[in-house]
């Protein structure tokens, strides 16, 4: 029920935004010159409708924001990867202990390290 309500609410909020964006895109179809070389205005000039420039800038902003968020979560991904390796090691050790116990063998625990306490 909550999922359906959330989807309905999302569309109720986004639909007017989409309509406004489409109306602005249709209204602003004038061609603008976009210079890609800031040092020479005659070099590398694109002539695009204004809405395409706006959509392109929006897409670049979304891509840059996604990269920044992805990069800021690097340490959490590293920690999760390390924990999954630790979990796999302990799982393998438990499986080996179960196999040894089923075979009648007893495991000898490794001696503890002396920490000096």
Protein backbone atom coordinates (compact mmCIF):
# COMPACT_ATOMS: atom_id res chain seq x y z
CA UNK A 1 0.00 0.00 0.00
CA UNK A 2 2.79 2.42 0.91
CA UNK A 3 4.58 1.65 -2.36
CA UNK A 4 1.51 2.48 -4.42
CA UNK A 5 0.90 5.66 -2.46
CA UNK A 6 4.53 6.69 -2.88
CA UNK A 7 4.38 6.09 -6.62
CA UNK A 8 1.16 8.07 -6.90
CA UNK A 9 2.61 10.92 -4.87
CA UNK A 10 5.77 10.90 -6.98
CA UNK A 11 3.77 11.21 -10.19
CA UNK A 12 1.53 13.90 -8.72
CA UNK A 13 4.61 15.97 -7.93
CA UNK A 14 6.67 15.19 -11.03
CA UNK A 15 3.95 15.47 -13.66
CA UNK A 16 3.58 19.27 -13.30
CA UNK A 17 7.38 19.62 -13.36
CA UNK A 18 7.55 17.59 -16.58
CA UNK A 19 4.79 19.69 -18.13
CA UNK A 20 6.58 22.94 -17.23
CA UNK A 21 9.88 21.63 -18.62
CA UNK A 22 8.23 20.58 -21.89
CA UNK A 23 6.41 23.92 -22.24
CA UNK A 24 9.65 25.82 -21.60
CA UNK A 25 11.48 23.63 -24.11
CA UNK A 26 8.90 24.32 -26.80
CA UNK A 27 8.87 28.05 -26.01
CA UNK A 28 12.69 28.37 -26.00
CA UNK A 29 13.57 26.77 -29.30
CA UNK A 30 15.69 29.72 -30.42
CA UNK A 31 19.12 28.81 -31.72
CA UNK A 32 22.03 29.91 -29.55
CA UNK A 33 25.74 29.76 -30.29
CA UNK A 34 27.80 27.75 -27.84
CA UNK A 35 31.54 28.34 -28.06
CA UNK A 36 33.60 25.45 -26.78
CA UNK A 37 36.94 27.25 -27.01
CA UNK A 38 37.07 30.21 -24.60
CA UNK A 39 40.23 31.65 -26.20
CA UNK A 40 39.05 31.80 -29.82
CA UNK A 41 35.37 32.54 -30.33
CA UNK A 42 35.39 31.45 -33.98
CA UNK A 43 36.85 28.03 -33.16
CA UNK A 44 34.55 25.14 -32.21
CA UNK A 45 31.14 26.82 -32.19
CA UNK A 46 27.91 24.83 -31.97
CA UNK A 47 24.53 26.24 -32.83
CA UNK A 48 21.88 24.49 -30.77
CA UNK A 49 18.36 25.25 -29.57
CA UNK A 50 18.35 26.68 -26.05
CA UNK A 51 16.45 23.75 -24.55
CA UNK A 52 19.10 21.31 -25.82
CA UNK A 53 21.80 23.36 -24.12
CA UNK A 54 19.77 23.31 -20.90
CA UNK A 55 19.16 19.57 -21.08
CA UNK A 56 22.85 18.94 -21.81
CA UNK A 57 23.90 21.05 -18.82
CA UNK A 58 21.40 19.20 -16.65
CA UNK A 59 22.75 15.83 -17.81
CA UNK A 60 26.34 16.91 -17.14
CA UNK A 61 25.31 18.08 -13.66
CA UNK A 62 23.61 14.77 -12.90
CA UNK A 63 26.66 12.83 -14.09
CA UNK A 64 29.05 14.98 -12.03
CA UNK A 65 26.83 14.69 -8.95
CA UNK A 66 26.60 10.92 -9.37
CA UNK A 67 30.37 10.65 -9.63
CA UNK A 68 30.88 12.75 -6.50
CA UNK A 69 28.42 10.64 -4.49
CA UNK A 70 29.91 7.39 -5.79
CA UNK A 71 33.43 8.56 -4.97
CA UNK A 72 32.46 9.74 -1.47
CA UNK A 73 31.15 6.26 -0.64
CA UNK A 74 34.46 4.61 -1.52
CA UNK A 75 35.49 3.91 2.08
CA UNK A 76 32.14 2.27 2.85
CA UNK A 77 32.42 -0.01 -0.18
CA UNK A 78 35.98 -0.93 0.85
CA UNK A 79 34.84 -1.72 4.40
CA UNK A 80 31.96 -3.85 3.10
CA UNK A 81 34.33 -5.74 0.80
CA UNK A 82 36.75 -6.40 3.66
CA UNK A 83 33.91 -7.59 5.91
CA UNK A 84 32.64 -9.94 3.21
CA UNK A 85 36.14 -11.43 2.88
CA UNK A 86 36.28 -11.88 6.66
CA UNK A 87 32.84 -13.48 6.66
CA UNK A 88 33.85 -15.88 3.88
CA UNK A 89 37.01 -16.84 5.79
CA UNK A 90 35.04 -17.53 8.98
CA UNK A 91 32.37 -19.43 7.03
CA UNK A 92 35.04 -21.67 5.47
CA UNK A 93 36.62 -22.24 8.86
CA UNK A 94 33.23 -23.20 10.35
CA UNK A 95 32.56 -25.61 7.47
CA UNK A 96 35.96 -27.22 7.99
CA UNK A 97 35.22 -27.57 11.71
CA UNK A 98 31.86 -29.21 10.96
CA UNK A 99 33.50 -31.64 8.53
CA UNK A 100 36.18 -32.49 11.05
CA UNK A 101 33.62 -32.98 13.81
CA UNK A 102 31.53 -35.21 11.55
CA UNK A 103 34.60 -37.29 10.72
CA UNK A 104 35.43 -37.86 14.39
CA UNK A 105 38.47 -35.65 14.34
CA UNK A 106 38.97 -33.00 16.95
CA UNK A 107 40.32 -29.63 16.10
CA UNK A 108 43.24 -28.36 18.03
CA UNK A 109 42.93 -24.69 18.66
CA UNK A 110 45.86 -22.54 17.67
CA UNK A 111 47.72 -21.10 20.63
CA UNK A 112 46.81 -17.58 21.57
CA UNK A 113 49.31 -14.86 21.04
CA UNK A 114 50.77 -13.43 24.19
CA UNK A 115 49.75 -9.80 24.28
CA UNK A 116 51.80 -9.00 27.35
CA UNK A 117 48.83 -8.38 29.66
